[in-house]
Amino acid sequence: MQTPDYSSMYLADLKLIAKTRRIKMYYIKSKEELVNLLNMPELPQAMKVEKMTIRELRQEAKARGVPSIWGRRRGDLVNILFPENIQETTPNENNQDERKAHEHHQPEEHDPK
């Protein structure tokens, strides 16, 4: 079976193909990125994990013998099942917000001049 020449296709056609292959966020990817992804024989593991539903994650956890899967959220299951795919994209919850939006000053403290 011959693979199609994705580089000669229109971006709209590439997006339709990417959608059918369940490529996450296909609609914001450039033509070059889509061509690279579509030419891969198999999507990277991180992209597969992002598209897994909670039901699929629970089935995987059950197959691996992970205890108490029903009380866990999707993110927790992903972290347990695929620790190598965790990316530090979210800020640390323990860090305090250093902006001053939470401070309140009384109006009489401000000099109008």
Protein backbone atom coordinates (compact mmCIF):
# COMPACT_ATOMS: atom_id res chain seq x y z
CA MET A 1 0.00 0.00 0.00
CA GLN A 2 1.43 3.32 -1.07
CA THR A 3 1.31 6.24 1.37
CA PRO A 4 -0.18 9.43 -0.01
CA ASP A 5 1.98 12.48 -0.66
CA TYR A 6 0.79 14.69 2.20
CA SER A 7 3.11 17.54 1.30
CA SER A 8 1.20 18.16 -1.94
CA MET A 9 -2.21 18.28 -0.21
CA TYR A 10 -4.08 21.36 0.93
CA LEU A 11 -4.06 22.25 4.62
CA ALA A 12 -7.84 21.71 4.86
CA ASP A 13 -7.46 18.15 3.53
CA LEU A 14 -4.64 17.44 5.97
CA LYS A 15 -6.80 18.65 8.84
CA LEU A 16 -9.61 16.31 7.83
CA ILE A 17 -7.24 13.36 7.73
CA ALA A 18 -5.74 14.36 11.09
CA LYS A 19 -9.21 14.59 12.59
CA THR A 20 -10.07 11.05 11.47
CA ARG A 21 -6.80 9.82 13.00
CA ARG A 22 -7.70 11.52 16.29
CA ILE A 23 -4.68 13.82 16.35
CA LYS A 24 -5.18 16.23 19.20
CA MET A 25 -5.33 19.95 18.35
CA TYR A 26 -4.96 19.26 14.64
CA TYR A 27 -6.80 22.50 13.86
CA ILE A 28 -3.99 24.75 15.14
CA LYS A 29 -1.07 22.84 13.69
CA SER A 30 0.81 24.11 10.67
CA LYS A 31 0.90 22.23 7.40
CA GLU A 32 4.47 21.14 8.09
CA GLU A 33 3.55 19.74 11.51
CA LEU A 34 0.58 17.86 10.10
CA VAL A 35 2.65 16.40 7.27
CA ASN A 36 5.24 15.18 9.80
CA LEU A 37 2.59 13.63 12.05
CA LEU A 38 0.71 11.97 9.22
CA ASN A 39 3.90 10.48 7.77
CA MET A 40 4.65 8.71 11.08
CA PRO A 41 3.68 5.04 11.05
CA GLU A 42 2.36 5.43 14.60
CA LEU A 43 1.60 8.49 16.72
CA PRO A 44 3.89 9.23 19.69
CA GLN A 45 2.80 7.70 23.00
CA ALA A 46 2.15 11.13 24.54
CA MET A 47 -0.41 11.94 21.84
CA LYS A 48 -2.15 8.60 22.34
CA VAL A 49 -2.39 9.15 26.08
CA GLU A 50 -3.88 12.64 25.62
CA LYS A 51 -6.73 11.18 23.57
CA MET A 52 -7.57 8.33 25.97
CA THR A 53 -10.93 8.59 27.68
CA ILE A 54 -11.44 7.98 31.39
CA ARG A 55 -13.04 4.65 30.51
CA GLU A 56 -9.96 3.58 28.49
CA LEU A 57 -7.66 4.71 31.30
CA ARG A 58 -9.66 2.72 33.86
CA GLN A 59 -9.50 -0.38 31.65
CA GLU A 60 -5.73 0.03 31.36
CA ALA A 61 -5.40 0.54 35.12
CA LYS A 62 -7.52 -2.53 35.81
CA ALA A 63 -5.38 -4.61 33.43
CA ARG A 64 -2.25 -3.42 35.25
CA GLY A 65 -3.75 -4.12 38.68
CA VAL A 66 -3.82 -0.52 39.92
CA PRO A 67 -5.89 -0.36 43.13
CA SER A 68 -8.85 1.99 43.73
CA ILE A 69 -9.24 3.25 40.17
CA TRP A 70 -12.87 4.34 40.54
CA GLY A 71 -12.14 7.22 42.91
CA ARG A 72 -9.36 8.68 40.82
CA ARG A 73 -9.57 11.54 38.35
CA ARG A 74 -8.36 11.32 34.76
CA GLY A 75 -5.15 13.26 35.49
CA ASP A 76 -4.29 10.98 38.39
CA LEU A 77 -4.74 7.88 36.26
CA VAL A 78 -2.54 9.35 33.51
CA ASN A 79 0.18 10.16 36.05
CA ILE A 80 0.05 6.63 37.51
CA LEU A 81 -0.13 4.74 34.23
CA PHE A 82 2.19 6.86 32.09
CA PRO A 83 4.67 8.70 34.34
CA GLU A 84 7.13 9.10 31.45
CA ASN A 85 4.61 11.31 29.59
CA ILE A 86 4.18 13.86 32.38
CA GLN A 87 5.16 17.33 31.26
CA GLU A 88 5.72 20.27 33.57
CA THR A 89 3.24 22.57 31.86
CA THR A 90 1.16 23.44 34.88
CA PRO A 91 2.49 25.80 37.54
CA ASN A 92 3.37 24.40 40.92
CA GLU A 93 0.36 24.73 43.20
CA ASN A 94 2.58 25.43 46.20
CA ASN A 95 3.99 28.61 44.68
CA GLN A 96 2.27 31.76 45.83
CA ASP A 97 0.95 34.26 43.36
CA GLU A 98 3.42 37.11 43.46
CA ARG A 99 1.11 39.64 41.86
CA LYS A 100 -0.54 42.21 44.11
CA ALA A 101 -4.15 41.62 43.06
CA HIS A 102 -4.98 40.09 46.43
CA GLU A 103 -3.90 43.21 48.36
CA HIS A 104 -6.45 45.79 49.34
CA HIS A 105 -5.68 49.38 50.28
CA GLN A 106 -8.01 51.75 52.04
CA PRO A 107 -8.93 54.82 49.98
CA GLU A 108 -7.70 57.21 52.68
CA GLU A 109 -4.20 55.74 52.35
CA HIS A 110 -3.87 56.97 48.77
CA ASP A 111 -2.70 60.48 48.02
CA PRO A 112 -4.94 61.95 45.27
CA LYS A 113 -2.12 64.26 44.09
